Amino acid sequence: MTTVEEVREAARRLPPVEQFQLIQELLRGLERGYQPPGDAIPIGVRRAAPVSDLAELAADFWPEDETTDDINDFVARQRADDQLSDP
């Protein structure tokens, strides 16, 4: 059986264009391997129904006394705090 290291070494000897083609083919093969057959949905995956009316996505949760600038300022402060706290 061929090892991953042997495949990697063989791929390194290929010209760059063929290396790229190899990568594309490997990705296609992996994608096919992870595609559920037919309409089957893998366990733990939920499929949402398509939205046909954007009004369905509208929400009325924004506090009336807060402006968009308030939330932008809050997010900027949080990001600055996060950057300062990261070692």
PDB file of N, CA and C in Angstrom:
ATOM      1  N   MET A   1       0.844  -1.177   0.000  1.00  0.00           N
ATOM      2  CA  MET A   1       0.000   0.000   0.000  1.00  0.00           C
ATOM      3  C   MET A   1       0.889   1.239   0.000  1.00  0.00           C
ATOM      4  N   THR A   2       0.479   2.251  -0.725  1.00  0.00           N
ATOM      5  CA  THR A   2       1.230   3.500  -0.825  1.00  0.00           C
ATOM      6  C   THR A   2       0.959   4.365   0.389  1.00  0.00           C
ATOM      7  N   THR A   3       2.024   4.937   0.951  1.00  0.00           N
ATOM      8  CA  THR A   3       1.861   5.793   2.119  1.00  0.00           C
ATOM      9  C   THR A   3       1.632   7.240   1.689  1.00  0.00           C
ATOM     10  N   VAL A   4       1.149   8.028   2.612  1.00  0.00           N
ATOM     11  CA  VAL A   4       0.920   9.445   2.349  1.00  0.00           C
ATOM     12  C   VAL A   4       2.236  10.126   1.984  1.00  0.00           C
ATOM     13  N   GLU A   5       3.298   9.759   2.675  1.00  0.00           N
ATOM     14  CA  GLU A   5       4.611  10.354   2.401  1.00  0.00           C
ATOM     15  C   GLU A   5       5.068  10.041   0.979  1.00  0.00           C
ATOM     16  N   GLU A   6       4.838   8.811   0.519  1.00  0.00           N
ATOM     17  CA  GLU A   6       5.208   8.436  -0.855  1.00  0.00           C
ATOM     18  C   GLU A   6       4.413   9.243  -1.866  1.00  0.00           C
ATOM     19  N   VAL A   7       3.142   9.438  -1.603  1.00  0.00           N
ATOM     20  CA  VAL A   7       2.305  10.233  -2.501  1.00  0.00           C
ATOM     21  C   VAL A   7       2.783  11.676  -2.522  1.00  0.00           C
ATOM     22  N   ARG A   8       3.094  12.222  -1.332  1.00  0.00           N
ATOM     23  CA  ARG A   8       3.569  13.601  -1.239  1.00  0.00           C
ATOM     24  C   ARG A   8       4.875  13.774  -2.018  1.00  0.00           C
ATOM     25  N   GLU A   9       5.798  12.836  -1.876  1.00  0.00           N
ATOM     26  CA  GLU A   9       7.073  12.919  -2.598  1.00  0.00           C
ATOM     27  C   GLU A   9       6.853  12.825  -4.106  1.00  0.00           C
ATOM     28  N   ALA A  10       5.963  11.941  -4.531  1.00  0.00           N
ATOM     29  CA  ALA A  10       5.673  11.817  -5.961  1.00  0.00           C
ATOM     30  C   ALA A  10       5.048  13.106  -6.488  1.00  0.00           C
ATOM     31  N   ALA A  11       4.179  13.719  -5.691  1.00  0.00           N
ATOM     32  CA  ALA A  11       3.533  14.968  -6.103  1.00  0.00           C
ATOM     33  C   ALA A  11       4.549  16.096  -6.216  1.00  0.00           C
ATOM     34  N   ARG A  12       5.535  16.123  -5.334  1.00  0.00           N
ATOM     35  CA  ARG A  12       6.576  17.164  -5.387  1.00  0.00           C
ATOM     36  C   ARG A  12       7.389  17.090  -6.680  1.00  0.00           C
ATOM     37  N   ARG A  13       7.494  15.920  -7.265  1.00  0.00           N
ATOM     38  CA  ARG A  13       8.261  15.759  -8.502  1.00  0.00           C
ATOM     39  C   ARG A  13       7.473  16.196  -9.731  1.00  0.00           C
ATOM     40  N   LEU A  14       6.182  16.428  -9.582  1.00  0.00           N
ATOM     41  CA  LEU A  14       5.358  16.863 -10.715  1.00  0.00           C
ATOM     42  C   LEU A  14       5.579  18.341 -11.007  1.00  0.00           C
ATOM     43  N   PRO A  15       5.367  18.744 -12.265  1.00  0.00           N
ATOM     44  CA  PRO A  15       5.400  20.179 -12.579  1.00  0.00           C
ATOM     45  C   PRO A  15       4.256  20.890 -11.839  1.00  0.00           C
ATOM     46  N   PRO A  16       4.400  22.184 -11.578  1.00  0.00           N
ATOM     47  CA  PRO A  16       3.388  22.918 -10.815  1.00  0.00           C
ATOM     48  C   PRO A  16       1.963  22.779 -11.358  1.00  0.00           C
ATOM     49  N   VAL A  17       1.801  22.791 -12.665  1.00  0.00           N
ATOM     50  CA  VAL A  17       0.452  22.679 -13.235  1.00  0.00           C
ATOM     51  C   VAL A  17      -0.157  21.328 -12.897  1.00  0.00           C
ATOM     52  N   GLU A  18       0.652  20.280 -12.976  1.00  0.00           N
ATOM     53  CA  GLU A  18       0.142  18.953 -12.654  1.00  0.00           C
ATOM     54  C   GLU A  18      -0.108  18.803 -11.147  1.00  0.00           C
ATOM     55  N   GLN A  19       0.680  19.482 -10.317  1.00  0.00           N
ATOM     56  CA  GLN A  19       0.420  19.486  -8.878  1.00  0.00           C
ATOM     57  C   GLN A  19      -0.953  20.106  -8.616  1.00  0.00           C
ATOM     58  N   PHE A  20      -1.233  21.219  -9.286  1.00  0.00           N
ATOM     59  CA  PHE A  20      -2.519  21.883  -9.127  1.00  0.00           C
ATOM     60  C   PHE A  20      -3.657  20.970  -9.588  1.00  0.00           C
ATOM     61  N   GLN A  21      -3.474  20.301 -10.715  1.00  0.00           N
ATOM     62  CA  GLN A  21      -4.493  19.378 -11.206  1.00  0.00           C
ATOM     63  C   GLN A  21      -4.717  18.240 -10.215  1.00  0.00           C
ATOM     64  N   LEU A  22      -3.661  17.758  -9.614  1.00  0.00           N
ATOM     65  CA  LEU A  22      -3.765  16.697  -8.614  1.00  0.00           C
ATOM     66  C   LEU A  22      -4.572  17.171  -7.416  1.00  0.00           C
ATOM     67  N   ILE A  23      -4.281  18.371  -6.946  1.00  0.00           N
ATOM     68  CA  ILE A  23      -5.027  18.936  -5.818  1.00  0.00           C
ATOM     69  C   ILE A  23      -6.504  19.049  -6.155  1.00  0.00           C
ATOM     70  N   GLN A  24      -6.814  19.553  -7.354  1.00  0.00           N
ATOM     71  CA  GLN A  24      -8.217  19.675  -7.764  1.00  0.00           C
ATOM     72  C   GLN A  24      -8.906  18.316  -7.780  1.00  0.00           C
ATOM     73  N   GLU A  25      -8.223  17.327  -8.313  1.00  0.00           N
ATOM     74  CA  GLU A  25      -8.823  15.989  -8.392  1.00  0.00           C
ATOM     75  C   GLU A  25      -9.035  15.391  -7.006  1.00  0.00           C
ATOM     76  N   LEU A  26      -8.073  15.591  -6.114  1.00  0.00           N
ATOM     77  CA  LEU A  26      -8.242  15.101  -4.745  1.00  0.00           C
ATOM     78  C   LEU A  26      -9.430  15.776  -4.068  1.00  0.00           C
ATOM     79  N   LEU A  27      -9.570  17.087  -4.252  1.00  0.00           N
ATOM     80  CA  LEU A  27     -10.703  17.802  -3.664  1.00  0.00           C
ATOM     81  C   LEU A  27     -12.034  17.303  -4.224  1.00  0.00           C
ATOM     82  N   ARG A  28     -12.075  17.100  -5.537  1.00  0.00           N
ATOM     83  CA  ARG A  28     -13.318  16.580  -6.139  1.00  0.00           C
ATOM     84  C   ARG A  28     -13.671  15.221  -5.559  1.00  0.00           C
ATOM     85  N   GLY A  29     -12.662  14.365  -5.403  1.00  0.00           N
ATOM     86  CA  GLY A  29     -12.911  13.044  -4.838  1.00  0.00           C
ATOM     87  C   GLY A  29     -13.402  13.120  -3.410  1.00  0.00           C
ATOM     88  N   LEU A  30     -12.817  14.029  -2.615  1.00  0.00           N
ATOM     89  CA  LEU A  30     -13.266  14.187  -1.230  1.00  0.00           C
ATOM     90  C   LEU A  30     -14.686  14.739  -1.175  1.00  0.00           C
ATOM     91  N   GLU A  31     -14.983  15.707  -2.043  1.00  0.00           N
ATOM     92  CA  GLU A  31     -16.338  16.269  -2.065  1.00  0.00           C
ATOM     93  C   GLU A  31     -17.369  15.196  -2.404  1.00  0.00           C
ATOM     94  N   ARG A  32     -17.044  14.355  -3.377  1.00  0.00           N
ATOM     95  CA  ARG A  32     -17.967  13.266  -3.737  1.00  0.00           C
ATOM     96  C   ARG A  32     -18.138  12.313  -2.564  1.00  0.00           C
ATOM     97  N   GLY A  33     -17.070  12.077  -1.823  1.00  0.00           N
ATOM     98  CA  GLY A  33     -17.127  11.167  -0.693  1.00  0.00           C
ATOM     99  C   GLY A  33     -17.990  11.674   0.444  1.00  0.00           C
ATOM    100  N   TYR A  34     -18.136  12.995   0.562  1.00  0.00           N
ATOM    101  CA  TYR A  34     -18.911  13.579   1.646  1.00  0.00           C
ATOM    102  C   TYR A  34     -20.313  13.983   1.230  1.00  0.00           C
ATOM    103  N   GLN A  35     -20.674  13.789  -0.016  1.00  0.00           N
ATOM    104  CA  GLN A  35     -22.010  14.125  -0.496  1.00  0.00           C
ATOM    105  C   GLN A  35     -22.987  13.040  -0.031  1.00  0.00           C
ATOM    106  N   PRO A  36     -24.065  13.437   0.645  1.00  0.00           N
ATOM    107  CA  PRO A  36     -25.053  12.425   1.016  1.00  0.00           C
ATOM    108  C   PRO A  36     -25.771  11.913  -0.240  1.00  0.00           C
ATOM    109  N   PRO A  37     -26.085  10.622  -0.272  1.00  0.00           N
ATOM    110  CA  PRO A  37     -26.759  10.071  -1.447  1.00  0.00           C
ATOM    111  C   PRO A  37     -28.182  10.610  -1.560  1.00  0.00           C
ATOM    112  N   GLY A  38     -28.536  11.015  -2.760  1.00  0.00           N
ATOM    113  CA  GLY A  38     -29.898  11.505  -3.007  1.00  0.00           C
ATOM    114  C   GLY A  38     -30.240  12.688  -2.135  1.00  0.00           C
ATOM    115  N   ASP A  39     -31.398  12.641  -1.494  1.00  0.00           N
ATOM    116  CA  ASP A  39     -31.851  13.729  -0.633  1.00  0.00           C
ATOM    117  C   ASP A  39     -31.546  13.472   0.834  1.00  0.00           C
ATOM    118  N   ALA A  40     -30.756  12.441   1.111  1.00  0.00           N
ATOM    119  CA  ALA A  40     -30.452  12.126   2.506  1.00  0.00           C
ATOM    120  C   ALA A  40     -29.658  13.261   3.136  1.00  0.00           C
ATOM    121  N   ILE A  41     -29.990  13.587   4.357  1.00  0.00           N
ATOM    122  CA  ILE A  41     -29.298  14.632   5.100  1.00  0.00           C
ATOM    123  C   ILE A  41     -28.540  13.959   6.229  1.00  0.00           C
ATOM    124  N   PRO A  42     -27.234  14.242   6.339  1.00  0.00           N
ATOM    125  CA  PRO A  42     -26.458  13.608   7.410  1.00  0.00           C
ATOM    126  C   PRO A  42     -27.037  13.934   8.786  1.00  0.00           C
ATOM    127  N   ILE A  43     -26.819  13.049   9.722  1.00  0.00           N
ATOM    128  CA  ILE A  43     -27.304  13.246  11.092  1.00  0.00           C
ATOM    129  C   ILE A  43     -26.705  14.526  11.659  1.00  0.00           C
ATOM    130  N   GLY A  44     -27.533  15.327  12.296  1.00  0.00           N
ATOM    131  CA  GLY A  44     -27.068  16.566  12.901  1.00  0.00           C
ATOM    132  C   GLY A  44     -27.096  17.768  11.979  1.00  0.00           C
ATOM    133  N   VAL A  45     -27.425  17.559  10.709  1.00  0.00           N
ATOM    134  CA  VAL A  45     -27.484  18.676   9.757  1.00  0.00           C
ATOM    135  C   VAL A  45     -28.944  18.984   9.469  1.00  0.00           C
ATOM    136  N   ARG A  46     -29.296  20.256   9.643  1.00  0.00           N
ATOM    137  CA  ARG A  46     -30.666  20.662   9.331  1.00  0.00           C
ATOM    138  C   ARG A  46     -30.653  21.536   8.090  1.00  0.00           C
ATOM    139  N   ARG A  47     -31.565  21.290   7.193  1.00  0.00           N
ATOM    140  CA  ARG A  47     -31.656  22.064   5.967  1.00  0.00           C
ATOM    141  C   ARG A  47     -32.789  23.075   6.126  1.00  0.00           C
ATOM    142  N   ALA A  48     -32.463  24.348   5.926  1.00  0.00           N
ATOM    143  CA  ALA A  48     -33.463  25.401   6.035  1.00  0.00           C
ATOM    144  C   ALA A  48     -34.214  25.544   4.716  1.00  0.00           C
ATOM    145  N   ALA A  49     -35.473  25.882   4.830  1.00  0.00           N
ATOM    146  CA  ALA A  49     -36.278  26.122   3.632  1.00  0.00           C
ATOM    147  C   ALA A  49     -35.822  27.425   2.982  1.00  0.00           C
ATOM    148  N   PRO A  50     -35.857  27.509   1.666  1.00  0.00           N
ATOM    149  CA  PRO A  50     -35.473  28.747   0.989  1.00  0.00           C
ATOM    150  C   PRO A  50     -36.393  29.901   1.385  1.00  0.00           C
ATOM    151  N   VAL A  51     -35.830  31.088   1.474  1.00  0.00           N
ATOM    152  CA  VAL A  51     -36.604  32.285   1.802  1.00  0.00           C
ATOM    153  C   VAL A  51     -37.061  32.906   0.493  1.00  0.00           C
ATOM    154  N   SER A  52     -38.355  33.071   0.355  1.00  0.00           N
ATOM    155  CA  SER A  52     -38.876  33.678  -0.872  1.00  0.00           C
ATOM    156  C   SER A  52     -39.344  35.108  -0.649  1.00  0.00           C
ATOM    157  N   ASP A  53     -39.511  35.500   0.609  1.00  0.00           N
ATOM    158  CA  ASP A  53     -39.960  36.848   0.934  1.00  0.00           C
ATOM    159  C   ASP A  53     -39.013  37.424   1.987  1.00  0.00           C
ATOM    160  N   LEU A  54     -38.278  38.472   1.620  1.00  0.00           N
ATOM    161  CA  LEU A  54     -37.299  39.037   2.545  1.00  0.00           C
ATOM    162  C   LEU A  54     -37.946  39.599   3.804  1.00  0.00           C
ATOM    163  N   ALA A  55     -39.218  39.912   3.750  1.00  0.00           N
ATOM    164  CA  ALA A  55     -39.915  40.411   4.933  1.00  0.00           C
ATOM    165  C   ALA A  55     -39.916  39.362   6.046  1.00  0.00           C
ATOM    166  N   GLU A  56     -39.801  38.089   5.683  1.00  0.00           N
ATOM    167  CA  GLU A  56     -39.736  37.024   6.687  1.00  0.00           C
ATOM    168  C   GLU A  56     -38.496  37.152   7.563  1.00  0.00           C
ATOM    169  N   LEU A  57     -37.452  37.800   7.037  1.00  0.00           N
ATOM    170  CA  LEU A  57     -36.205  37.938   7.776  1.00  0.00           C
ATOM    171  C   LEU A  57     -36.162  39.194   8.639  1.00  0.00           C
ATOM    172  N   ALA A  58     -37.142  40.052   8.490  1.00  0.00           N
ATOM    173  CA  ALA A  58     -37.164  41.294   9.259  1.00  0.00           C
ATOM    174  C   ALA A  58     -37.396  40.998  10.732  1.00  0.00           C
ATOM    175  N   ALA A  59     -36.705  41.758  11.564  1.00  0.00           N
ATOM    176  CA  ALA A  59     -36.860  41.589  13.010  1.00  0.00           C
ATOM    177  C   ALA A  59     -36.996  42.967  13.645  1.00  0.00           C
ATOM    178  N   ASP A  60     -37.749  43.035  14.705  1.00  0.00           N
ATOM    179  CA  ASP A  60     -37.966  44.299  15.393  1.00  0.00           C
ATOM    180  C   ASP A  60     -37.465  44.151  16.821  1.00  0.00           C
ATOM    181  N   PHE A  61     -36.146  44.050  16.964  1.00  0.00           N
ATOM    182  CA  PHE A  61     -35.587  43.831  18.283  1.00  0.00           C
ATOM    183  C   PHE A  61     -34.651  44.951  18.718  1.00  0.00           C
ATOM    184  N   TRP A  62     -34.373  45.899  17.830  1.00  0.00           N
ATOM    185  CA  TRP A  62     -33.419  46.944  18.137  1.00  0.00           C
ATOM    186  C   TRP A  62     -34.010  47.939  19.129  1.00  0.00           C
ATOM    187  N   PRO A  63     -33.329  48.214  20.234  1.00  0.00           N
ATOM    188  CA  PRO A  63     -33.849  49.189  21.196  1.00  0.00           C
ATOM    189  C   PRO A  63     -33.977  50.573  20.553  1.00  0.00           C
ATOM    190  N   GLU A  64     -35.107  51.224  20.789  1.00  0.00           N
ATOM    191  CA  GLU A  64     -35.355  52.513  20.147  1.00  0.00           C
ATOM    192  C   GLU A  64     -34.373  53.589  20.595  1.00  0.00           C
ATOM    193  N   ASP A  65     -33.823  53.462  21.801  1.00  0.00           N
ATOM    194  CA  ASP A  65     -32.932  54.508  22.304  1.00  0.00           C
ATOM    195  C   ASP A  65     -31.466  54.284  21.908  1.00  0.00           C
ATOM    196  N   GLU A  66     -31.180  53.271  21.083  1.00  0.00           N
ATOM    197  CA  GLU A  66     -29.819  53.029  20.621  1.00  0.00           C
ATOM    198  C   GLU A  66     -29.721  53.280  19.124  1.00  0.00           C
ATOM    199  N   THR A  67     -28.648  53.973  18.735  1.00  0.00           N
ATOM    200  CA  THR A  67     -28.419  54.233  17.316  1.00  0.00           C
ATOM    201  C   THR A  67     -27.455  53.184  16.765  1.00  0.00           C
ATOM    202  N   THR A  68     -27.332  53.157  15.464  1.00  0.00           N
ATOM    203  CA  THR A  68     -26.353  52.243  14.854  1.00  0.00           C
ATOM    204  C   THR A  68     -24.939  52.637  15.260  1.00  0.00           C
ATOM    205  N   ASP A  69     -24.714  53.938  15.492  1.00  0.00           N
ATOM    206  CA  ASP A  69     -23.395  54.369  15.966  1.00  0.00           C
ATOM    207  C   ASP A  69     -23.097  53.783  17.342  1.00  0.00           C
ATOM    208  N   ASP A  70     -24.122  53.662  18.184  1.00  0.00           N
ATOM    209  CA  ASP A  70     -23.927  53.072  19.513  1.00  0.00           C
ATOM    210  C   ASP A  70     -23.420  51.629  19.400  1.00  0.00           C
ATOM    211  N   ILE A  71     -24.032  50.852  18.537  1.00  0.00           N
ATOM    212  CA  ILE A  71     -23.604  49.455  18.412  1.00  0.00           C
ATOM    213  C   ILE A  71     -22.224  49.371  17.772  1.00  0.00           C
ATOM    214  N   ASN A  72     -21.943  50.236  16.795  1.00  0.00           N
ATOM    215  CA  ASN A  72     -20.619  50.244  16.178  1.00  0.00           C
ATOM    216  C   ASN A  72     -19.551  50.607  17.201  1.00  0.00           C
ATOM    217  N   ASP A  73     -19.834  51.587  18.066  1.00  0.00           N
ATOM    218  CA  ASP A  73     -18.896  51.970  19.119  1.00  0.00           C
ATOM    219  C   ASP A  73     -18.679  50.809  20.095  1.00  0.00           C
ATOM    220  N   PHE A  74     -19.764  50.129  20.449  1.00  0.00           N
ATOM    221  CA  PHE A  74     -19.669  48.984  21.356  1.00  0.00           C
ATOM    222  C   PHE A  74     -18.783  47.894  20.767  1.00  0.00           C
ATOM    223  N   VAL A  75     -19.007  47.571  19.496  1.00  0.00           N
ATOM    224  CA  VAL A  75     -18.220  46.524  18.841  1.00  0.00           C
ATOM    225  C   VAL A  75     -16.748  46.934  18.787  1.00  0.00           C
ATOM    226  N   ALA A  76     -16.478  48.202  18.464  1.00  0.00           N
ATOM    227  CA  ALA A  76     -15.091  48.675  18.403  1.00  0.00           C
ATOM    228  C   ALA A  76     -14.420  48.571  19.771  1.00  0.00           C
ATOM    229  N   ARG A  77     -15.149  48.933  20.837  1.00  0.00           N
ATOM    230  CA  ARG A  77     -14.591  48.818  22.189  1.00  0.00           C
ATOM    231  C   ARG A  77     -14.307  47.360  22.543  1.00  0.00           C
ATOM    232  N   GLN A  78     -15.237  46.471  22.190  1.00  0.00           N
ATOM    233  CA  GLN A  78     -15.047  45.044  22.488  1.00  0.00           C
ATOM    234  C   GLN A  78     -13.815  44.508  21.765  1.00  0.00           C
ATOM    235  N   ARG A  79     -13.660  44.886  20.502  1.00  0.00           N
ATOM    236  CA  ARG A  79     -12.497  44.415  19.734  1.00  0.00           C
ATOM    237  C   ARG A  79     -11.204  44.937  20.347  1.00  0.00           C
ATOM    238  N   ALA A  80     -11.206  46.215  20.728  1.00  0.00           N
ATOM    239  CA  ALA A  80     -10.009  46.791  21.345  1.00  0.00           C
ATOM    240  C   ALA A  80      -9.694  46.075  22.657  1.00  0.00           C
ATOM    241  N   ASP A  81     -10.708  45.820  23.468  1.00  0.00           N
ATOM    242  CA  ASP A  81     -10.510  45.100  24.725  1.00  0.00           C
ATOM    243  C   ASP A  81      -9.974  43.692  24.480  1.00  0.00           C
ATOM    244  N   ASP A  82     -10.531  43.020  23.463  1.00  0.00           N
ATOM    245  CA  ASP A  82     -10.076  41.661  23.139  1.00  0.00           C
ATOM    246  C   ASP A  82      -8.616  41.667  22.702  1.00  0.00           C
ATOM    247  N   GLN A  83      -8.235  42.667  21.907  1.00  0.00           N
ATOM    248  CA  GLN A  83      -6.839  42.742  21.440  1.00  0.00           C
ATOM    249  C   GLN A  83      -5.895  42.998  22.607  1.00  0.00           C
ATOM    250  N   LEU A  84      -6.323  43.814  23.550  1.00  0.00           N
ATOM    251  CA  LEU A  84      -5.467  44.112  24.694  1.00  0.00           C
ATOM    252  C   LEU A  84      -5.333  42.917  25.628  1.00  0.00           C
ATOM    253  N   SER A  85      -6.377  42.096  25.696  1.00  0.00           N
ATOM    254  CA  SER A  85      -6.353  40.964  26.626  1.00  0.00           C
ATOM    255  C   SER A  85      -5.648  39.737  26.049  1.00  0.00           C
ATOM    256  N   ASP A  86      -5.457  39.692  24.720  1.00  0.00           N
ATOM    257  CA  ASP A  86      -4.753  38.548  24.108  1.00  0.00           C
ATOM    258  C   ASP A  86      -3.260  38.692  24.340  1.00  0.00           C
ATOM    259  N   PRO A  87      -2.618  37.618  24.848  1.00  0.00           N
ATOM    260  CA  PRO A  87      -1.160  37.691  25.091  1.00  0.00           C
ATOM    261  C   PRO A  87      -0.372  37.680  23.812  1.00  0.00           C
TER     262      PRO A  87
END
